[in-house]
Amino acid sequence: MSRRRYLRRVLLVLTGMAAWTLWLVWRVVDVQVVQASRLDQVASSLHEHTFVVPAPRGAILDRHGHVLALDVPAYEVVAAPTAIAQAAATVPHLRTREADLLARYLPYPAARIRQALSGHGWYRVLDADLPAPAGAALARQAGNLPGISVVPVSRRSYPDGSLAAQVLGFVGADGKGLGGIEYAENAVLAGRPGRWTVATDAQGTPLPAWQVSRTAPVPGDDVELTLDSQVQLIVERALAAAMKTTHAVSGTVIVMDPATGAVLALANAPGFNPADVARASPTALTDWAVEDPVPPGSIFKPVTAAAALTEGIVTPGTMFDTRGYKIVNGVRINDWNLTGWGWISFAQAFALSSDQVFMDLGLKLGVATLYRYIRAFGLMQPSGVGLPGDSNSIFLPASQVNAVDLATIAFGQGFAVTPMQMLKAVAAIANDGTMMEPRIVRAVLAPDGRVLHRYGPVVAGHPISPAIAAQVQQLMEQEVTSGTGIKAAVPGYVLAGKTGTAQKVVGGRTSSTRFISSFIGYGPMPHPRFAMLVMINQPVGQYYGGDVAAPVFGAIARQLLAYWHIPPSAAAPTP
């Protein structure tokens, strides 16, 4: 071999070795520097697994601090079958011993637990909701149970069962709010979850120190409602009695402070237990007070009366010739009293709830003016109470309203509003013409009780003047003392109100056999402490609001006046 050929081979070998060395250096730099972050993440994903530890939800309280919903301590029991198998190699009958011990605390037989401890895997939930006493006792035994971890968690509890169920709502299996305040205030109640990191080898087998770290969750804040649980209880009992008596499909009662807009009670029937929501019917889950617009019937007449009085179309003494019907554009529209009352004053027409007289008022007001007052009373926008599903009303566009529509709208038919919208409007009359925004959340509190945010009263508008409000108040007082609302009266007190009997809309047509019976009112006068709406949906038998809903209003009002220790009024009429 020539010297030149030998040198060429040596140079070729050295060049190859240099290239190989450079490639190795580049790979080291690429792995150790360029891809270090990504590869570190890959390694962590192979050897560490992180699980979310739910945060305890904040409590829901009434206005006096009474707990309506809270998280109670519980425990999650987790097994690592592969770690147990490794330990069993040196400890005879380990699975049997662990299963027997676990069976003392878990609601499962030892044989079933032993089967769950067999096989492979590093994360198997044995019980996701072990009550606190058993869980705490088991946690003290965890050191004697290789491959078993007892993790503190919590579960949602509603101490008063079904009380205010639709207001409170409920939570799902993942602990997130799915209805009511639980949903509306989920961001406040939920808190921040913790993290639980478990170490394994590449095959998923737990390492000896398999619990790497645990970051404690941060509890959620508490939500204080405007509700008074005692008022809520009074209302729910009265509504339940009415449902039993009338065999109605559903019912709603709302009690509000007209001076502040604070909702003191909101009840719907039928109800449900938020802790056992799987058994609840769709009807029970619906918050009829805010979700379901319905024809209000004659409880809307105070709005028409306020508009007509303000516009100077009528005075309490204006006389009307009532015949039991009115012909509008060739269409006969009947009064609820088919024979009428002859010549009566407007004050009498209000107390007797004459549909014919209110048809006259509506036609004189005109579409634009009546709609202006409807809008001013907040009936063309959601109530703003702060509950999920807060629906808006259903009105014909003003451009499509004909004379027949206008006549029926004036006495509460031909449109739909939610009970909360209707109470907001009438509460403005009780509050001397100042309309308050309804509200259900009073404050947000830290877990230690500190007030983080306080929600004060919000004025929503001034639909009428104090002078006009006083005139409508007098009309509504006469309704209770000598009109169709006499069954709502409470001896010794001056109450104001209006009966309503609305025809339901079924299949797009007004029904002549299905009704909504209602009564709306406030008291005691002259400084009303409450405004209240009672609505009974589709009662069987009697259906006039004065016969069905007014007695419920009176029964609740009597208990509220006693609960608040309000003395009788010297101005009250003698029974």
Protein backbone atom coordinates (compact mmCIF):
# COMPACT_ATOMS: atom_id res chain seq x y z
CA MET A 1 0.00 0.00 0.00
CA SER A 2 1.45 3.32 -1.01
CA ARG A 3 2.06 6.03 1.55
CA ARG A 4 -0.39 8.36 -0.22
CA ARG A 5 -3.17 5.79 -0.11
CA TYR A 6 -2.49 5.11 3.59
CA LEU A 7 -2.66 8.80 4.48
CA ARG A 8 -5.93 9.16 2.55
CA ARG A 9 -7.47 6.34 4.62
CA VAL A 10 -6.25 7.84 7.89
CA LEU A 11 -7.69 11.23 6.90
CA LEU A 12 -11.00 9.62 5.99
CA VAL A 13 -11.17 7.84 9.36
CA LEU A 14 -10.26 10.99 11.26
CA THR A 15 -12.88 12.97 9.31
CA GLY A 16 -15.51 10.37 10.15
CA MET A 17 -14.54 10.38 13.82
CA ALA A 18 -14.68 14.19 13.85
CA ALA A 19 -18.12 14.17 12.23
CA TRP A 20 -19.36 11.54 14.69
CA THR A 21 -17.97 13.58 17.59
CA LEU A 22 -19.64 16.73 16.30
CA TRP A 23 -22.94 14.86 15.92
CA LEU A 24 -22.69 13.57 19.49
CA VAL A 25 -21.91 17.05 20.78
CA TRP A 26 -24.88 18.45 18.80
CA ARG A 27 -27.18 15.75 20.23
CA VAL A 28 -25.98 16.45 23.77
CA VAL A 29 -26.64 20.17 23.30
CA ASP A 30 -29.99 19.45 21.64
CA VAL A 31 -31.13 17.11 24.42
CA GLN A 32 -29.61 18.95 27.36
CA VAL A 33 -30.32 22.51 26.23
CA VAL A 34 -32.58 22.92 23.19
CA GLN A 35 -35.17 20.25 24.09
CA ALA A 36 -34.55 20.20 27.83
CA SER A 37 -37.84 21.84 28.75
CA ARG A 38 -39.95 19.66 26.44
CA LEU A 39 -38.25 16.42 27.45
CA ASP A 40 -38.55 17.33 31.11
CA GLN A 41 -42.29 17.74 30.60
CA VAL A 42 -42.46 14.38 28.81
CA ALA A 43 -40.59 12.70 31.66
CA SER A 44 -42.85 14.28 34.19
CA SER A 45 -45.92 13.14 32.28
CA LEU A 46 -44.58 9.59 32.30
CA HIS A 47 -43.58 9.51 35.94
CA GLU A 48 -45.90 11.98 37.66
CA HIS A 49 -49.68 12.15 37.51
CA THR A 50 -51.58 15.09 38.97
CA PHE A 51 -55.19 14.96 40.09
CA VAL A 52 -57.48 17.81 40.99
CA VAL A 53 -58.60 18.03 44.62
CA PRO A 54 -61.95 19.89 44.66
CA ALA A 55 -62.18 22.94 46.88
CA PRO A 56 -64.86 23.05 49.57
CA ARG A 57 -67.71 25.22 48.26
CA GLY A 58 -68.73 28.25 50.21
CA ALA A 59 -71.93 28.17 52.23
CA ILE A 60 -75.24 29.78 51.27
CA LEU A 61 -76.83 31.67 54.15
CA ASP A 62 -80.08 33.50 54.75
CA ARG A 63 -80.14 37.17 55.85
CA HIS A 64 -79.75 36.16 59.52
CA GLY A 65 -76.79 33.82 58.95
CA HIS A 66 -78.86 30.62 58.99
CA VAL A 67 -77.05 28.02 56.85
CA LEU A 68 -79.09 26.86 53.85
CA ALA A 69 -76.33 24.98 51.99
CA LEU A 70 -72.80 23.98 52.91
CA ASP A 71 -70.04 21.47 52.25
CA VAL A 72 -69.58 18.87 54.96
CA PRO A 73 -66.31 16.94 55.42
CA ALA A 74 -66.00 13.61 53.68
CA TYR A 75 -63.17 11.37 52.50
CA GLU A 76 -62.13 9.72 49.26
CA VAL A 77 -60.50 6.32 49.67
CA VAL A 78 -58.03 5.46 46.89
CA ALA A 79 -56.07 2.25 46.28
CA ALA A 80 -52.94 1.49 44.23
CA PRO A 81 -53.32 -2.26 43.44
CA THR A 82 -49.81 -2.52 41.94
CA ALA A 83 -48.22 -1.07 45.09
CA ILE A 84 -50.29 -3.50 47.17
CA ALA A 85 -49.07 -6.39 45.01
CA GLN A 86 -45.45 -5.35 45.57
CA ALA A 87 -45.97 -5.12 49.32
CA ALA A 88 -47.82 -8.45 49.35
CA ALA A 89 -44.63 -10.17 48.16
CA THR A 90 -43.16 -9.69 51.63
CA VAL A 91 -46.35 -9.53 53.72
CA PRO A 92 -48.46 -12.72 53.60
CA HIS A 93 -52.25 -12.30 53.09
CA LEU A 94 -51.90 -8.52 52.79
CA ARG A 95 -54.92 -8.07 50.50
CA THR A 96 -57.16 -10.10 52.80
CA ARG A 97 -56.02 -8.21 55.88
CA GLU A 98 -56.48 -4.83 54.18
CA ALA A 99 -59.89 -5.79 52.79
CA ASP A 100 -61.07 -6.93 56.23
CA LEU A 101 -59.89 -3.67 57.81
CA LEU A 102 -61.41 -1.49 55.07
CA ALA A 103 -64.74 -3.32 55.36
CA ARG A 104 -65.10 -1.95 58.90
CA TYR A 105 -65.33 1.58 57.48
CA LEU A 106 -66.56 1.26 53.89
CA PRO A 107 -70.15 0.28 53.02
CA TYR A 108 -68.97 -2.77 51.06
CA PRO A 109 -68.26 -6.41 51.96
CA ALA A 110 -64.66 -7.53 52.39
CA ALA A 111 -64.87 -9.86 49.36
CA ARG A 112 -65.77 -7.00 47.04
CA ILE A 113 -63.01 -4.80 48.45
CA ARG A 114 -60.45 -7.63 48.10
CA GLN A 115 -61.38 -7.94 44.43
CA ALA A 116 -60.88 -4.20 43.93
CA LEU A 117 -57.42 -4.43 45.52
CA SER A 118 -56.37 -7.15 43.07
CA GLY A 119 -54.89 -6.64 39.65
CA HIS A 120 -52.71 -3.77 38.50
CA GLY A 121 -52.97 -0.03 38.41
CA TRP A 122 -51.97 2.91 40.54
CA TYR A 123 -55.27 4.72 41.05
CA ARG A 124 -58.57 3.04 41.90
CA VAL A 125 -61.31 4.83 43.85
CA LEU A 126 -62.82 2.59 46.53
CA ASP A 127 -65.21 5.23 47.93
CA ALA A 128 -65.59 8.80 46.68
CA ASP A 129 -67.85 10.05 49.48
CA LEU A 130 -67.09 8.38 52.80
CA PRO A 131 -68.78 10.29 55.68
CA ALA A 132 -66.48 12.19 58.00
CA PRO A 133 -66.61 9.99 61.15
CA ALA A 134 -65.74 6.79 59.28
CA GLY A 135 -63.29 8.59 57.00
CA ALA A 136 -61.39 10.21 59.86
CA ALA A 137 -61.14 6.90 61.69
CA LEU A 138 -59.88 5.17 58.55
CA ALA A 139 -57.37 7.94 57.91
CA ARG A 140 -55.77 7.13 61.26
CA GLN A 141 -55.30 3.53 60.03
CA ALA A 142 -53.82 4.53 56.66
CA GLY A 143 -50.25 4.00 57.88
CA ASN A 144 -51.04 0.30 58.32
CA LEU A 145 -52.47 0.00 54.81
CA PRO A 146 -49.77 -0.04 52.09
CA GLY A 147 -51.12 1.27 48.79
CA ILE A 148 -54.17 2.92 50.41
CA SER A 149 -54.66 6.67 50.60
CA VAL A 150 -57.48 8.45 52.45
CA VAL A 151 -57.95 11.93 50.95
CA PRO A 152 -60.08 14.64 52.67
CA VAL A 153 -62.82 15.94 50.36
CA SER A 154 -66.32 17.33 50.94
CA ARG A 155 -69.94 16.86 49.83
CA ARG A 156 -72.84 19.28 49.50
CA SER A 157 -75.48 19.29 52.21
CA TYR A 158 -78.80 21.15 52.53
CA PRO A 159 -79.73 21.15 56.23
CA ASP A 160 -83.34 22.24 55.66
CA GLY A 161 -84.08 19.68 52.96
CA SER A 162 -86.34 21.11 50.28
CA LEU A 163 -86.62 24.63 51.76
CA ALA A 164 -86.06 27.24 49.02
CA ALA A 165 -84.94 24.46 46.67
CA GLN A 166 -85.39 26.36 43.39
CA VAL A 167 -83.58 29.39 44.84
CA LEU A 168 -80.64 27.38 46.14
CA GLY A 169 -80.37 25.06 43.13
CA PHE A 170 -78.05 22.06 43.23
CA VAL A 171 -74.59 20.84 42.23
CA GLY A 172 -73.49 18.10 39.85
CA ALA A 173 -71.23 15.14 40.46
CA ASP A 174 -68.23 17.36 39.66
CA GLY A 175 -69.23 19.80 42.38
CA LYS A 176 -70.22 22.59 39.99
CA GLY A 177 -73.46 24.48 40.43
CA LEU A 178 -76.19 23.46 38.00
CA GLY A 179 -79.18 25.49 39.17
CA GLY A 180 -80.30 28.42 41.32
CA ILE A 181 -77.75 30.32 43.37
CA GLU A 182 -75.39 27.34 43.18
CA TYR A 183 -75.15 28.08 39.44
CA ALA A 184 -75.54 31.85 39.40
CA GLU A 185 -72.83 32.36 42.06
CA ASN A 186 -70.67 29.36 41.19
CA ALA A 187 -67.57 31.51 40.62
CA VAL A 188 -67.89 32.86 44.18
CA LEU A 189 -68.81 29.58 45.86
CA ALA A 190 -66.40 27.27 44.03
CA GLY A 191 -63.06 28.40 45.47
CA ARG A 192 -59.77 27.16 43.93
CA PRO A 193 -59.07 23.42 43.62
CA GLY A 194 -55.91 21.82 44.99
CA ARG A 195 -53.54 19.36 43.29
CA TRP A 196 -52.45 15.84 44.24
CA THR A 197 -49.34 14.51 42.45
CA VAL A 198 -48.52 10.78 42.34
CA ALA A 199 -45.17 9.35 41.18
CA THR A 200 -44.89 6.15 39.06
CA ASP A 201 -42.36 4.45 36.86
CA ALA A 202 -42.69 4.36 33.06
CA GLN A 203 -45.11 1.42 33.28
CA GLY A 204 -47.39 3.31 35.68
CA THR A 205 -46.27 1.36 38.76
CA PRO A 206 -46.28 3.53 41.90
CA LEU A 207 -42.86 4.27 43.30
CA PRO A 208 -42.20 3.70 47.02
CA ALA A 209 -42.84 7.39 47.75
CA TRP A 210 -45.87 7.49 45.45
CA GLN A 211 -47.54 10.57 46.94
CA VAL A 212 -45.19 13.31 45.71
CA SER A 213 -47.09 16.42 46.77
CA ARG A 214 -50.50 17.74 47.72
CA THR A 215 -51.53 21.38 47.36
CA ALA A 216 -54.45 22.18 49.61
CA PRO A 217 -57.52 23.66 47.91
CA VAL A 218 -58.73 27.16 48.78
CA PRO A 219 -62.34 27.16 50.06
CA GLY A 220 -64.96 29.22 48.26
CA ASP A 221 -66.57 32.32 49.70
CA ASP A 222 -70.02 32.34 51.30
CA VAL A 223 -73.10 33.90 49.72
CA GLU A 224 -75.62 35.60 51.99
CA LEU A 225 -79.13 35.85 50.55
CA THR A 226 -81.89 38.36 51.21
CA LEU A 227 -84.17 35.44 52.13
CA ASP A 228 -85.49 35.06 55.66
CA SER A 229 -85.70 31.31 56.31
CA GLN A 230 -88.60 31.78 58.72
CA VAL A 231 -90.59 33.76 56.16
CA GLN A 232 -89.68 31.14 53.57
CA LEU A 233 -90.99 28.40 55.85
CA ILE A 234 -94.26 30.26 56.44
CA VAL A 235 -94.73 30.74 52.71
CA GLU A 236 -93.88 27.16 51.75
CA ARG A 237 -96.27 25.68 54.31
CA ALA A 238 -99.12 27.92 53.13
CA LEU A 239 -98.39 27.12 49.49
CA ALA A 240 -98.26 23.37 50.19
CA ALA A 241 -101.65 23.58 51.91
CA ALA A 242 -103.08 25.47 48.91
CA MET A 243 -101.70 22.91 46.47
CA LYS A 244 -103.33 20.11 48.46
CA THR A 245 -106.66 21.91 48.55
CA THR A 246 -106.77 23.05 44.92
CA HIS A 247 -105.00 20.08 43.25
CA ALA A 248 -103.17 22.64 41.11
CA VAL A 249 -100.37 21.82 38.67
CA SER A 250 -97.96 24.26 40.29
CA GLY A 251 -97.85 27.35 42.47
CA THR A 252 -95.62 30.32 43.23
CA VAL A 253 -95.42 32.79 46.10
CA ILE A 254 -92.96 35.69 46.29
CA VAL A 255 -92.55 38.04 49.25
CA MET A 256 -90.52 41.20 48.74
CA ASP A 257 -89.62 44.29 50.74
CA PRO A 258 -91.04 47.04 48.50
CA ALA A 259 -88.74 49.69 49.98
CA THR A 260 -85.52 47.84 49.09
CA GLY A 261 -86.40 45.19 46.52
CA ALA A 262 -85.02 42.45 48.81
CA VAL A 263 -86.74 39.12 48.16
CA LEU A 264 -87.67 37.73 51.59
CA ALA A 265 -89.18 34.48 50.30
CA LEU A 266 -89.56 32.74 46.97
CA ALA A 267 -91.40 29.43 46.91
CA ASN A 268 -92.44 27.14 44.10
CA ALA A 269 -94.56 24.01 44.31
CA PRO A 270 -93.93 21.22 43.73
CA GLY A 271 -90.49 21.29 45.33
CA PHE A 272 -87.54 18.90 45.54
CA ASN A 273 -84.61 17.99 47.74
CA PRO A 274 -81.40 19.52 46.29
CA ALA A 275 -79.39 16.69 47.88
CA ASP A 276 -81.41 14.12 45.87
CA VAL A 277 -82.04 15.97 42.62
CA ALA A 278 -82.12 12.77 40.55
CA ARG A 279 -85.63 12.10 41.85
CA ALA A 280 -86.95 15.58 41.01
CA SER A 281 -89.41 16.09 38.16
CA PRO A 282 -88.88 18.78 35.49
CA THR A 283 -91.83 20.67 36.98
CA ALA A 284 -90.19 20.68 40.41
CA LEU A 285 -86.85 21.88 39.01
CA THR A 286 -88.44 24.90 37.31
CA ASP A 287 -88.30 28.23 39.10
CA TRP A 288 -91.72 29.40 37.96
CA ALA A 289 -91.24 32.77 39.64
CA VAL A 290 -88.63 33.92 37.13
CA GLU A 291 -88.55 31.41 34.28
CA ASP A 292 -92.15 31.15 33.07
CA PRO A 293 -94.00 34.17 31.61
CA VAL A 294 -97.77 33.75 32.02
CA PRO A 295 -100.85 35.92 31.42
CA PRO A 296 -101.26 37.97 34.61
CA GLY A 297 -104.98 38.64 34.33
CA SER A 298 -106.47 41.33 36.55
CA ILE A 299 -103.42 41.69 38.82
CA PHE A 300 -102.15 43.83 35.91
CA LYS A 301 -105.01 46.32 36.35
CA PRO A 302 -103.13 48.52 38.87
CA VAL A 303 -100.68 49.34 36.04
CA THR A 304 -103.49 50.35 33.68
CA ALA A 305 -105.16 52.32 36.48
CA ALA A 306 -101.92 54.17 37.27
CA ALA A 307 -101.48 55.08 33.59
CA ALA A 308 -105.09 56.28 33.21
CA LEU A 309 -104.97 58.35 36.42
CA THR A 310 -101.65 59.93 35.44
CA GLU A 311 -102.92 60.82 31.96
CA GLY A 312 -106.08 62.35 33.41
CA ILE A 313 -108.36 59.96 31.56
CA VAL A 314 -110.16 58.94 34.74
CA THR A 315 -110.60 59.86 38.39
CA PRO A 316 -111.76 57.57 41.19
CA GLY A 317 -115.22 59.11 40.86
CA THR A 318 -115.62 58.81 37.08
CA MET A 319 -118.82 56.89 36.26
CA PHE A 320 -119.13 53.97 33.84
CA ASP A 321 -122.18 52.14 32.52
CA THR A 322 -121.26 48.44 32.80
CA ARG A 323 -123.22 45.87 30.78
CA GLY A 324 -121.02 42.79 31.11
CA TYR A 325 -119.34 43.08 27.71
CA LYS A 326 -117.89 45.50 25.17
CA ILE A 327 -117.99 45.42 21.37
CA VAL A 328 -114.59 46.32 19.91
CA ASN A 329 -114.28 46.48 16.12
CA GLY A 330 -117.26 44.15 15.84
CA VAL A 331 -115.82 41.65 18.35
CA ARG A 332 -117.71 41.02 21.58
CA ILE A 333 -115.36 40.81 24.58
CA ASN A 334 -117.06 39.62 27.76
CA ASP A 335 -116.52 40.92 31.25
CA TRP A 336 -115.99 38.24 33.90
CA ASN A 337 -119.45 39.29 35.18
CA LEU A 338 -121.63 38.76 32.11
CA THR A 339 -124.47 40.95 33.44
CA GLY A 340 -122.40 43.93 34.58
CA TRP A 341 -123.24 46.21 37.52
CA GLY A 342 -124.96 49.11 35.79
CA TRP A 343 -123.59 52.60 36.56
CA ILE A 344 -120.57 52.40 38.88
CA SER A 345 -117.64 54.67 39.72
CA PHE A 346 -114.10 53.86 38.68
CA ALA A 347 -113.25 53.12 42.33
CA GLN A 348 -116.09 50.57 42.37
CA ALA A 349 -115.01 49.18 38.99
CA PHE A 350 -111.53 48.59 40.38
CA ALA A 351 -112.84 46.87 43.51
CA LEU A 352 -115.20 44.73 41.45
CA SER A 353 -112.49 44.12 38.81
CA SER A 354 -114.63 45.14 35.85
CA ASP A 355 -112.94 44.09 32.62
CA GLN A 356 -115.26 46.30 30.56
CA VAL A 357 -114.15 49.47 32.34
CA PHE A 358 -110.50 48.63 31.83
CA MET A 359 -111.16 48.00 28.14
CA ASP A 360 -112.43 51.57 27.96
CA LEU A 361 -109.30 52.84 29.67
CA GLY A 362 -106.99 50.91 27.37
CA LEU A 363 -108.68 52.19 24.24
CA LYS A 364 -108.54 55.77 25.52
CA LEU A 365 -104.86 55.46 26.46
CA GLY A 366 -103.83 54.07 23.09
CA VAL A 367 -101.05 51.63 22.27
CA ALA A 368 -98.12 54.05 22.48
CA THR A 369 -99.12 55.49 25.86
CA LEU A 370 -100.06 52.18 27.48
CA TYR A 371 -96.84 50.58 26.24
CA ARG A 372 -94.87 53.52 27.62
CA TYR A 373 -96.22 52.82 31.10
CA ILE A 374 -95.73 49.08 30.72
CA ARG A 375 -92.10 49.76 29.89
CA ALA A 376 -91.75 52.27 32.75
CA PHE A 377 -93.00 49.64 35.21
CA GLY A 378 -90.17 47.31 34.11
CA LEU A 379 -92.44 44.82 32.37
CA MET A 380 -90.54 44.76 29.09
CA GLN A 381 -87.20 43.61 30.48
CA PRO A 382 -86.10 40.75 32.78
CA SER A 383 -86.63 41.41 36.47
CA GLY A 384 -82.90 41.54 37.26
CA VAL A 385 -83.34 39.57 40.47
CA GLY A 386 -80.10 37.62 39.96
CA LEU A 387 -81.48 34.10 39.48
CA PRO A 388 -80.79 31.85 36.46
CA GLY A 389 -83.41 31.76 33.73
CA ASP A 390 -84.69 35.27 34.52
CA SER A 391 -87.01 35.55 31.52
CA ASN A 392 -88.44 38.53 29.74
CA SER A 393 -92.11 39.16 29.04
CA ILE A 394 -93.94 38.41 25.80
CA PHE A 395 -95.78 41.36 24.21
CA LEU A 396 -96.98 41.96 20.68
CA PRO A 397 -94.90 44.61 18.91
CA ALA A 398 -96.71 47.92 19.21
CA SER A 399 -97.06 48.12 15.43
CA GLN A 400 -99.09 44.89 15.43
CA VAL A 401 -101.50 45.75 18.26
CA ASN A 402 -105.06 46.31 17.06
CA ALA A 403 -108.01 47.63 19.05
CA VAL A 404 -109.09 44.17 20.24
CA ASP A 405 -105.53 43.43 21.41
CA LEU A 406 -105.35 46.77 23.19
CA ALA A 407 -108.65 46.21 24.98
CA THR A 408 -107.58 42.80 26.29
CA ILE A 409 -104.06 43.93 27.23
CA ALA A 410 -105.59 46.63 29.43
CA PHE A 411 -107.16 44.01 31.72
CA GLY A 412 -104.22 41.58 31.71
CA GLN A 413 -104.76 39.20 28.78
CA GLY A 414 -102.98 38.87 25.43
CA PHE A 415 -99.44 39.01 26.83
CA ALA A 416 -97.28 37.20 29.38
CA VAL A 417 -94.98 38.34 32.20
CA THR A 418 -93.09 36.47 34.90
CA PRO A 419 -94.40 36.59 38.48
CA MET A 420 -91.22 38.42 39.54
CA GLN A 421 -91.72 41.11 36.88
CA MET A 422 -95.32 41.60 38.01
CA LEU A 423 -94.41 41.90 41.68
CA LYS A 424 -91.61 44.35 40.87
CA ALA A 425 -94.15 46.58 39.10
CA VAL A 426 -96.84 46.52 41.81
CA ALA A 427 -94.24 46.93 44.57
CA ALA A 428 -93.44 50.30 42.98
CA ILE A 429 -97.01 51.40 43.74
CA ALA A 430 -96.58 50.25 47.34
CA ASN A 431 -93.31 52.23 47.50
CA ASP A 432 -95.00 55.53 46.58
CA GLY A 433 -94.03 55.32 42.90
CA THR A 434 -90.35 54.37 43.28
CA MET A 435 -89.53 51.03 41.68
CA MET A 436 -86.69 49.00 43.22
CA GLU A 437 -84.59 46.37 41.48
CA PRO A 438 -85.44 42.95 42.95
CA ARG A 439 -82.44 41.22 44.46
CA ILE A 440 -81.78 37.84 46.01
CA VAL A 441 -78.06 38.14 46.94
CA ARG A 442 -77.35 40.34 49.94
CA ALA A 443 -73.59 39.94 50.45
CA VAL A 444 -70.47 37.88 49.72
CA LEU A 445 -68.56 36.78 52.82
CA ALA A 446 -65.09 35.32 53.29
CA PRO A 447 -64.90 31.91 55.03
CA ASP A 448 -63.92 33.75 58.23
CA GLY A 449 -67.06 35.90 58.07
CA ARG A 450 -65.54 39.11 56.72
CA VAL A 451 -67.84 41.02 54.35
CA LEU A 452 -66.19 41.11 50.93
CA HIS A 453 -69.07 42.80 49.14
CA ARG A 454 -72.44 44.16 50.25
CA TYR A 455 -75.25 44.68 47.74
CA GLY A 456 -77.44 47.67 48.56
CA PRO A 457 -80.84 48.68 47.22
CA VAL A 458 -80.95 49.88 43.61
CA VAL A 459 -83.64 52.21 42.28
CA ALA A 460 -84.96 50.89 38.96
CA GLY A 461 -87.15 53.86 38.09
CA HIS A 462 -90.03 56.17 38.99
CA PRO A 463 -92.94 55.02 36.80
CA ILE A 464 -95.54 57.19 38.58
CA SER A 465 -95.64 60.07 41.01
CA PRO A 466 -96.24 59.66 44.77
CA ALA A 467 -99.65 61.34 44.35
CA ILE A 468 -100.79 58.83 41.72
CA ALA A 469 -99.35 55.97 43.77
CA ALA A 470 -101.46 57.12 46.73
CA GLN A 471 -104.62 57.04 44.59
CA VAL A 472 -103.90 53.50 43.36
CA GLN A 473 -103.11 52.44 46.93
CA GLN A 474 -106.55 53.62 48.02
CA LEU A 475 -108.16 51.68 45.16
CA MET A 476 -106.26 48.54 46.16
CA GLU A 477 -107.21 48.99 49.81
CA GLN A 478 -110.89 49.10 48.83
CA GLU A 479 -110.36 45.92 46.81
CA VAL A 480 -109.48 44.11 50.06
CA THR A 481 -112.05 45.77 52.33
CA SER A 482 -115.10 45.57 50.05
CA GLY A 483 -114.13 44.10 46.68
CA THR A 484 -113.15 40.79 45.15
CA GLY A 485 -110.11 40.54 47.44
CA ILE A 486 -111.99 40.49 50.73
CA LYS A 487 -110.72 36.98 51.54
CA ALA A 488 -107.19 38.41 51.73
CA ALA A 489 -108.09 40.69 54.63
CA VAL A 490 -106.49 40.36 58.06
CA PRO A 491 -108.61 41.84 60.88
CA GLY A 492 -106.96 44.84 62.51
CA TYR A 493 -104.71 45.69 59.57
CA VAL A 494 -105.01 47.74 56.38
CA LEU A 495 -103.90 45.67 53.40
CA ALA A 496 -104.03 46.52 49.70
CA GLY A 497 -104.28 44.14 46.79
CA LYS A 498 -105.77 42.97 43.53
CA THR A 499 -107.27 39.65 42.50
CA GLY A 500 -106.50 38.00 39.17
CA THR A 501 -108.02 35.17 37.16
CA ALA A 502 -106.14 34.67 33.90
CA GLN A 503 -107.05 32.34 31.07
CA LYS A 504 -104.08 30.18 30.12
CA VAL A 505 -102.82 29.94 26.57
CA VAL A 506 -102.86 26.30 25.40
CA GLY A 507 -101.70 25.35 21.93
CA GLY A 508 -101.54 29.01 20.93
CA ARG A 509 -105.17 29.67 21.88
CA THR A 510 -106.76 31.14 24.99
CA SER A 511 -108.31 28.35 27.05
CA SER A 512 -111.75 28.64 28.61
CA THR A 513 -111.13 25.76 31.04
CA ARG A 514 -107.61 26.32 32.37
CA PHE A 515 -106.87 29.27 34.61
CA ILE A 516 -104.17 30.91 36.71
CA SER A 517 -105.58 32.22 39.97
CA SER A 518 -103.62 35.00 41.61
CA PHE A 519 -103.55 37.75 44.20
CA ILE A 520 -101.01 40.54 44.43
CA GLY A 521 -100.82 43.00 47.29
CA TYR A 522 -98.89 44.64 50.10
CA GLY A 523 -99.21 45.94 53.64
CA PRO A 524 -99.74 46.92 56.29
CA MET A 525 -100.65 50.43 55.24
CA PRO A 526 -99.57 53.20 55.35
CA HIS A 527 -96.01 51.84 55.60
CA PRO A 528 -95.98 48.45 53.86
CA ARG A 529 -93.46 45.98 55.20
CA PHE A 530 -94.03 43.44 52.42
CA ALA A 531 -95.34 43.06 48.88
CA MET A 532 -96.56 39.60 47.92
CA LEU A 533 -97.74 37.68 44.88
CA VAL A 534 -99.61 34.38 45.17
CA MET A 535 -100.13 32.49 41.91
CA ILE A 536 -101.87 29.10 41.68
CA ASN A 537 -101.53 27.45 38.29
CA GLN A 538 -104.52 25.50 37.00
CA PRO A 539 -106.55 24.79 40.14
CA VAL A 540 -109.30 22.17 40.01
CA GLY A 541 -112.79 23.38 40.89
CA GLN A 542 -112.90 26.99 42.01
CA TYR A 543 -110.58 29.15 39.93
CA TYR A 544 -111.32 32.81 40.68
CA GLY A 545 -108.34 34.55 42.26
CA GLY A 546 -110.53 35.92 45.05
CA ASP A 547 -111.51 32.39 46.06
CA VAL A 548 -108.24 30.52 45.45
CA ALA A 549 -105.27 32.88 45.88
CA ALA A 550 -106.62 35.64 48.15
CA PRO A 551 -107.07 33.30 51.17
CA VAL A 552 -103.46 32.13 50.77
CA PHE A 553 -102.29 35.75 50.75
CA GLY A 554 -104.31 36.46 53.89
CA ALA A 555 -103.00 33.39 55.71
CA ILE A 556 -99.38 34.29 54.96
CA ALA A 557 -99.90 37.98 55.76
CA ARG A 558 -101.40 37.10 59.15
CA GLN A 559 -98.31 35.04 60.06
CA LEU A 560 -95.87 37.66 58.77
CA LEU A 561 -97.48 40.39 60.83
CA ALA A 562 -97.19 38.20 63.92
CA TYR A 563 -93.60 37.19 63.11
CA TRP A 564 -92.55 40.83 62.78
CA HIS A 565 -94.56 41.86 65.87
CA ILE A 566 -96.42 44.56 63.93
CA PRO A 567 -99.30 45.87 66.06
CA PRO A 568 -102.80 46.31 64.63
CA SER A 569 -103.62 49.63 63.02
CA ALA A 570 -106.08 52.14 64.45
CA ALA A 571 -107.05 52.95 60.85
CA ALA A 572 -108.09 49.37 60.12
CA PRO A 573 -111.78 48.91 59.27
CA THR A 574 -113.95 47.26 61.88
CA PRO A 575 -114.70 43.65 60.88
